[in-house]
Amino acid sequence: MQLVRITALLIFLLTPALAKKNILFIAGNPSHANGEHEFRAGCMLLAKALNESGLDVAAKVHHYGWPKDESIFNNVDACIIYADAGGQFGEKYEFLDQKVKAGMSIMFMHYGVHPSKEIGKKYFTPWIGGFMETGWSVNPHWIADITPKQNHPVGNGVTPGFKSFDEYYWNMRFPTKQECSCCHALATSVPTQEKIVRYINLWNEHGERTMGTKQALMWCRDPKKGGRGVGFVGGHYHRNWAINDFRKLVLNAIVWLARAEVPADGVSSKPITEAQLNENLDRPVKGKPVLLPTPDLLKYRPMKMPNLKLREERLRKARERKAKRKAK
């Protein structure tokens, strides 16, 4: 009888620890100006919020590339990769593939959803249900009204149609429903010319064609068993983590990704101050702190859409001039 009591006590004490979901953030190397692509600082803010949420989760951050000690992945329920160009992990994608096939969930954020086309097709589509593809997807900076998927845990407590200004990619390379019946959008917005603040390097005819259509800014692959996958295109501007709805949407997604229960009102977190926003920055600039987002960011004047035919003509002439110089 005494042995039974001790066994029951041990089970009771160990159950919470066993139920706790382990979340690992992989933050990429520094690459942009202060306040942009702050992968380490962003991951640390999110991990702190998760660890203080009161939920049965434990989050930790590894920063600046692939971990030398791969045992850090042991018992990880969900891995979040916030890095340039899909992480640029080379042969280590195969390591991740084995982890995902063994049940680890995986999420890529911002530039993290943009690997090479080959890596995207081989790994990202089976993992998260889509990726950003050069020549197909576009990357303007615009003001999005983001609406989470109705009646889905990721949208718990998130204000439908909340606004934020970011480099929101769109027109991802998604599989068809026949190719992936468990892939769907988690948060959407409709880009219009009035919302586009800046067109940049990857703008193309597919951006023109899909202007004014609903676009997935967050999406998932949700198999009944095993690891889930999520992609999120936001996160260029570090200041956006101080937007409560923006932060809650991502925190909800991470908890859901780990197959933990998302509270009815979403994952709660404390408001982020300007001082906290400026902690752990990669390249802080003295006298130029990262500022909290203000309503003025939603009042930018729209930029005129580039003339792609004229741009192509200029590029053609430039190539011809270069060829002539080379021939001399």
Protein backbone atom coordinates (compact mmCIF):
# COMPACT_ATOMS: atom_id res chain seq x y z
CA MET A 1 0.00 0.00 0.00
CA GLN A 2 2.82 2.39 0.89
CA LEU A 3 4.48 1.66 -2.48
CA VAL A 4 1.22 2.45 -4.31
CA ARG A 5 0.95 5.78 -2.49
CA ILE A 6 4.53 6.73 -3.33
CA THR A 7 4.01 5.77 -6.98
CA ALA A 8 0.81 7.83 -7.16
CA LEU A 9 2.59 10.81 -5.60
CA LEU A 10 5.45 10.56 -8.08
CA ILE A 11 3.01 10.44 -11.00
CA PHE A 12 1.20 13.50 -9.62
CA LEU A 13 4.45 15.43 -9.22
CA LEU A 14 5.85 14.46 -12.59
CA THR A 15 2.72 15.01 -14.69
CA PRO A 16 3.02 18.83 -14.95
CA ALA A 17 6.67 18.55 -15.98
CA LEU A 18 5.83 15.96 -18.61
CA ALA A 19 2.94 18.08 -19.91
CA LYS A 20 5.08 21.19 -20.26
CA LYS A 21 5.76 22.11 -23.89
CA ASN A 22 9.34 22.98 -24.78
CA ILE A 23 9.78 25.79 -27.29
CA LEU A 24 13.07 26.64 -28.97
CA PHE A 25 13.75 29.88 -30.84
CA ILE A 26 16.58 30.00 -33.38
CA ALA A 27 17.52 33.64 -34.05
CA GLY A 28 19.54 34.42 -37.17
CA ASN A 29 22.63 36.58 -37.61
CA PRO A 30 22.53 40.40 -37.74
CA SER A 31 21.95 41.72 -41.25
CA HIS A 32 19.98 44.98 -41.29
CA ALA A 33 19.96 48.45 -39.79
CA ASN A 34 19.03 49.11 -36.18
CA GLY A 35 15.40 48.19 -35.52
CA GLU A 36 15.06 45.90 -38.55
CA HIS A 37 15.48 42.11 -38.61
CA GLU A 38 16.18 42.14 -34.88
CA PHE A 39 15.92 38.38 -34.71
CA ARG A 40 17.62 37.90 -31.35
CA ALA A 41 15.80 40.73 -29.59
CA GLY A 42 12.45 39.69 -31.07
CA CYS A 43 12.89 36.07 -30.04
CA MET A 44 13.87 37.11 -26.53
CA LEU A 45 10.76 39.28 -26.16
CA LEU A 46 8.53 36.43 -27.32
CA ALA A 47 10.28 33.82 -25.16
CA LYS A 48 9.97 36.08 -22.11
CA ALA A 49 6.26 36.57 -22.77
CA LEU A 50 5.71 32.82 -23.08
CA ASN A 51 7.65 32.04 -19.91
CA GLU A 52 5.63 34.65 -17.99
CA SER A 53 2.27 33.62 -19.48
CA GLY A 54 1.38 31.11 -16.78
CA LEU A 55 0.94 28.41 -19.41
CA ASP A 56 2.68 25.03 -19.30
CA VAL A 57 5.41 26.10 -21.72
CA ALA A 58 9.16 26.65 -21.39
CA ALA A 59 10.85 28.79 -24.03
CA LYS A 60 14.55 29.34 -24.69
CA VAL A 61 16.52 31.23 -27.34
CA HIS A 62 19.62 30.28 -29.30
CA HIS A 63 20.96 33.21 -31.28
CA TYR A 64 23.17 33.75 -34.31
CA GLY A 65 22.84 30.71 -36.48
CA TRP A 66 22.86 26.95 -36.14
CA PRO A 67 23.60 25.58 -32.64
CA LYS A 68 26.96 23.83 -32.25
CA ASP A 69 25.41 21.56 -29.65
CA GLU A 70 22.46 19.92 -31.39
CA SER A 71 21.26 18.36 -28.15
CA ILE A 72 19.45 21.68 -27.68
CA PHE A 73 16.76 20.15 -29.91
CA ASN A 74 16.17 17.23 -27.54
CA ASN A 75 12.54 17.11 -26.36
CA VAL A 76 11.64 20.29 -28.27
CA ASP A 77 7.93 20.40 -29.12
CA ALA A 78 8.09 23.50 -31.32
CA CYS A 79 11.00 25.26 -33.02
CA ILE A 80 10.62 28.86 -34.22
CA ILE A 81 13.16 30.09 -36.78
CA TYR A 82 13.44 33.85 -37.21
CA ALA A 83 16.32 34.40 -39.61
CA ASP A 84 17.33 35.56 -43.08
CA ALA A 85 16.77 33.44 -46.21
CA GLY A 86 15.12 30.50 -44.50
CA GLY A 87 17.99 30.21 -42.02
CA GLN A 88 20.59 29.20 -44.63
CA PHE A 89 21.20 25.92 -42.81
CA GLY A 90 22.62 23.92 -45.70
CA GLU A 91 22.88 20.22 -44.85
CA LYS A 92 21.18 20.88 -41.49
CA TYR A 93 17.79 21.06 -43.20
CA GLU A 94 17.99 17.29 -43.30
CA PHE A 95 18.52 17.27 -39.52
CA LEU A 96 15.42 19.45 -39.12
CA ASP A 97 13.50 17.20 -41.47
CA GLN A 98 14.20 14.20 -39.25
CA LYS A 99 13.03 16.18 -36.21
CA VAL A 100 9.82 17.27 -37.94
CA LYS A 101 9.12 13.70 -39.08
CA ALA A 102 9.63 12.59 -35.47
CA GLY A 103 6.93 15.04 -34.31
CA MET A 104 8.60 18.42 -33.71
CA SER A 105 6.50 21.36 -34.89
CA ILE A 106 8.23 24.15 -36.80
CA MET A 107 7.58 27.81 -37.62
CA PHE A 108 9.42 30.31 -39.81
CA MET A 109 9.01 34.08 -39.47
CA HIS A 110 9.58 36.97 -41.88
CA TYR A 111 12.65 36.40 -44.10
CA GLY A 112 12.71 32.95 -42.60
CA VAL A 113 9.90 31.94 -45.00
CA HIS A 114 12.13 32.76 -48.01
CA PRO A 115 14.54 29.89 -48.70
CA SER A 116 15.83 28.93 -52.13
CA LYS A 117 13.20 27.46 -54.45
CA GLU A 118 14.78 24.02 -54.13
CA ILE A 119 14.83 24.06 -50.33
CA GLY A 120 11.31 25.48 -50.29
CA LYS A 121 9.89 22.68 -52.40
CA LYS A 122 11.82 19.91 -50.65
CA TYR A 123 11.33 20.99 -47.04
CA PHE A 124 9.18 24.07 -46.46
CA THR A 125 6.08 22.89 -48.33
CA PRO A 126 5.99 19.54 -46.45
CA TRP A 127 6.79 21.29 -43.14
CA ILE A 128 4.71 24.49 -43.12
CA GLY A 129 2.60 24.30 -46.27
CA GLY A 130 4.23 27.02 -48.36
CA PHE A 131 7.10 29.47 -48.78
CA MET A 132 8.15 32.72 -50.42
CA GLU A 133 9.51 32.21 -53.92
CA THR A 134 11.66 34.73 -55.81
CA GLY A 135 9.98 35.73 -59.08
CA TRP A 136 6.57 34.67 -57.77
CA SER A 137 6.14 36.35 -54.38
CA VAL A 138 6.47 40.08 -53.61
CA ASN A 139 7.72 42.07 -50.61
CA PRO A 140 6.30 45.60 -50.42
CA HIS A 141 6.05 47.59 -47.20
CA TRP A 142 2.38 48.26 -46.54
CA ILE A 143 -0.34 48.86 -44.00
CA ALA A 144 -2.26 45.64 -43.47
CA ASP A 145 -5.62 45.09 -41.79
CA ILE A 146 -5.03 41.62 -40.39
CA THR A 147 -7.92 39.28 -39.71
CA PRO A 148 -7.24 35.91 -38.05
CA LYS A 149 -9.04 32.75 -39.15
CA GLN A 150 -12.49 32.64 -37.60
CA ASN A 151 -13.04 30.17 -34.76
CA HIS A 152 -9.39 29.14 -34.70
CA PRO A 153 -7.27 29.24 -31.50
CA VAL A 154 -4.64 31.43 -33.19
CA GLY A 155 -7.21 34.24 -33.32
CA ASN A 156 -8.25 34.00 -29.66
CA GLY A 157 -8.34 37.49 -28.16
CA VAL A 158 -6.98 39.12 -31.34
CA THR A 159 -8.89 42.13 -32.67
CA PRO A 160 -10.10 41.31 -36.21
CA GLY A 161 -8.77 43.80 -38.74
CA PHE A 162 -6.03 45.25 -36.51
CA LYS A 163 -3.65 47.49 -38.45
CA SER A 164 0.13 47.42 -38.65
CA PHE A 165 2.82 48.64 -41.03
CA ASP A 166 5.42 46.07 -42.02
CA GLU A 167 7.15 44.40 -44.93
CA TYR A 168 4.36 41.92 -45.47
CA TYR A 169 5.21 39.50 -48.25
CA TRP A 170 2.38 38.09 -50.30
CA ASN A 171 1.59 35.59 -53.05
CA MET A 172 3.42 32.75 -51.37
CA ARG A 173 3.99 29.50 -53.22
CA PHE A 174 1.28 27.29 -51.77
CA PRO A 175 0.32 23.72 -52.63
CA THR A 176 -3.14 22.99 -54.02
CA LYS A 177 -5.85 21.60 -51.74
CA GLN A 178 -5.38 18.27 -53.48
CA GLU A 179 -1.67 18.39 -52.62
CA CYS A 180 -2.24 19.45 -48.98
CA SER A 181 -5.73 19.18 -47.53
CA CYS A 182 -4.49 20.21 -44.07
CA CYS A 183 -2.91 23.49 -45.23
CA HIS A 184 -4.82 26.74 -44.74
CA ALA A 185 -4.49 30.43 -43.94
CA LEU A 186 -4.40 31.53 -40.29
CA ALA A 187 -4.42 35.32 -40.83
CA THR A 188 -5.20 37.31 -43.97
CA SER A 189 -5.31 40.82 -45.38
CA VAL A 190 -6.17 42.41 -48.73
CA PRO A 191 -3.40 44.61 -50.20
CA THR A 192 -4.59 47.59 -52.22
CA GLN A 193 -2.65 50.37 -53.94
CA GLU A 194 -3.82 52.83 -51.27
CA LYS A 195 -2.09 50.73 -48.57
CA ILE A 196 1.30 50.28 -50.26
CA VAL A 197 3.90 52.60 -48.77
CA ARG A 198 6.94 51.22 -50.58
CA TYR A 199 7.53 48.84 -53.47
CA ILE A 200 10.98 47.27 -53.35
CA ASN A 201 13.28 44.83 -55.14
CA LEU A 202 11.04 41.78 -55.57
CA TRP A 203 8.01 43.56 -57.02
CA ASN A 204 6.75 41.76 -60.13
CA GLU A 205 3.77 41.10 -62.40
CA HIS A 206 2.36 38.57 -59.93
CA GLY A 207 2.12 41.34 -57.35
CA GLU A 208 0.15 43.42 -59.85
CA ARG A 209 -2.09 40.46 -60.68
CA THR A 210 -2.90 39.64 -57.05
CA MET A 211 -3.35 43.23 -55.86
CA GLY A 212 -6.79 43.54 -54.26
CA THR A 213 -7.11 39.84 -53.45
CA LYS A 214 -7.08 38.20 -50.02
CA GLN A 215 -3.56 37.14 -49.04
CA ALA A 216 -2.34 34.79 -46.31
CA LEU A 217 0.12 36.58 -44.03
CA MET A 218 0.16 33.61 -41.66
CA TRP A 219 -0.60 30.06 -42.72
CA CYS A 220 -0.16 26.51 -41.48
CA ARG A 221 0.06 22.84 -42.17
CA ASP A 222 -2.07 21.08 -39.58
CA PRO A 223 -1.82 17.28 -39.74
CA LYS A 224 -3.96 15.30 -37.29
CA LYS A 225 -0.84 13.79 -35.76
CA GLY A 226 2.80 14.83 -35.53
CA GLY A 227 4.39 18.22 -35.94
CA ARG A 228 2.45 21.24 -37.09
CA GLY A 229 3.95 23.95 -39.28
CA VAL A 230 3.39 27.72 -39.44
CA GLY A 231 4.69 30.52 -41.64
CA PHE A 232 4.39 34.23 -40.79
CA VAL A 233 5.59 36.98 -43.11
CA GLY A 234 5.66 39.89 -40.63
CA GLY A 235 8.52 40.88 -38.34
CA HIS A 236 10.69 43.21 -40.43
CA TYR A 237 10.24 46.12 -38.01
CA HIS A 238 11.15 45.29 -34.43
CA ARG A 239 8.76 47.94 -33.08
CA ASN A 240 5.75 45.87 -34.13
CA TRP A 241 6.29 43.46 -31.24
CA ALA A 242 4.96 46.28 -29.07
CA ILE A 243 1.57 46.08 -30.86
CA ASN A 244 -0.56 43.94 -28.56
CA ASP A 245 -2.61 42.24 -31.30
CA PHE A 246 0.46 41.62 -33.48
CA ARG A 247 2.29 40.03 -30.56
CA LYS A 248 -0.73 38.03 -29.38
CA LEU A 249 -1.34 36.60 -32.85
CA VAL A 250 2.21 35.23 -32.94
CA LEU A 251 2.20 34.03 -29.32
CA ASN A 252 -1.09 32.21 -29.94
CA ALA A 253 0.38 30.62 -33.06
CA ILE A 254 3.44 29.39 -31.15
CA VAL A 255 1.39 27.85 -28.34
CA TRP A 256 -0.97 26.22 -30.86
CA LEU A 257 2.06 25.04 -32.85
CA ALA A 258 3.35 23.24 -29.76
CA ARG A 259 -0.04 21.52 -29.40
CA ALA A 260 -0.75 23.30 -26.14
CA GLU A 261 -4.11 24.87 -25.34
CA VAL A 262 -4.49 28.53 -26.31
CA PRO A 263 -6.55 30.42 -23.68
CA ALA A 264 -9.97 31.66 -24.81
CA ASP A 265 -8.75 35.27 -24.64
CA GLY A 266 -5.38 34.42 -26.18
CA VAL A 267 -1.90 34.26 -24.66
CA SER A 268 -1.63 37.17 -22.25
CA SER A 269 1.54 39.25 -22.07
CA LYS A 270 2.60 42.51 -20.49
CA PRO A 271 2.75 45.66 -22.65
CA ILE A 272 6.22 46.22 -24.07
CA THR A 273 7.91 49.47 -23.13
CA GLU A 274 10.34 51.45 -25.25
CA ALA A 275 13.14 50.45 -22.89
CA GLN A 276 12.32 46.75 -23.37
CA LEU A 277 12.12 47.26 -27.13
CA ASN A 278 15.72 48.50 -27.06
CA GLU A 279 17.13 45.57 -25.10
CA ASN A 280 19.33 42.99 -26.86
CA LEU A 281 19.49 44.87 -30.18
CA ASP A 282 22.16 43.66 -32.62
CA ARG A 283 23.44 47.07 -33.69
CA PRO A 284 22.05 49.77 -31.40
CA VAL A 285 22.71 53.34 -32.50
CA LYS A 286 23.49 55.79 -29.72
CA GLY A 287 20.91 58.54 -29.55
CA LYS A 288 18.58 56.76 -32.00
CA PRO A 289 16.49 54.27 -30.05
CA VAL A 290 13.85 52.06 -31.60
CA LEU A 291 10.61 53.92 -30.96
CA LEU A 292 7.24 52.49 -30.06
CA PRO A 293 4.78 52.33 -32.97
CA THR A 294 2.47 55.33 -33.25
CA PRO A 295 -0.73 56.05 -35.25
CA ASP A 296 1.37 58.22 -37.58
CA LEU A 297 2.84 55.03 -39.05
CA LEU A 298 -0.61 54.28 -40.45
CA LYS A 299 -0.82 57.62 -42.26
CA TYR A 300 1.95 57.22 -44.82
CA ARG A 301 1.09 58.35 -48.33
CA PRO A 302 0.88 55.51 -50.86
CA MET A 303 3.68 55.08 -53.38
CA LYS A 304 2.96 54.98 -57.09
CA MET A 305 3.07 51.44 -58.47
CA PRO A 306 6.24 50.81 -60.52
CA ASN A 307 5.93 50.58 -64.29
CA LEU A 308 7.24 47.06 -64.86
CA LYS A 309 7.41 47.40 -68.65
CA LEU A 310 9.50 50.56 -68.36
CA ARG A 311 11.72 48.90 -65.74
CA GLU A 312 12.29 45.90 -67.99
CA GLU A 313 13.12 48.17 -70.93
CA ARG A 314 15.71 50.02 -68.84
CA LEU A 315 17.22 46.74 -67.69
CA ARG A 316 17.36 45.49 -71.28
CA LYS A 317 19.21 48.62 -72.41
CA ALA A 318 21.59 48.37 -69.47
CA ARG A 319 22.39 44.76 -70.42
CA GLU A 320 23.02 45.82 -74.02
CA ARG A 321 25.40 48.60 -72.93
CA LYS A 322 27.25 46.18 -70.69
CA ALA A 323 27.56 43.66 -73.52
CA LYS A 324 28.94 46.33 -75.88
CA ARG A 325 31.55 47.43 -73.34
CA LYS A 326 32.57 43.82 -72.83
CA ALA A 327 32.92 43.29 -76.59
CA LYS A 328 35.36 46.20 -77.01
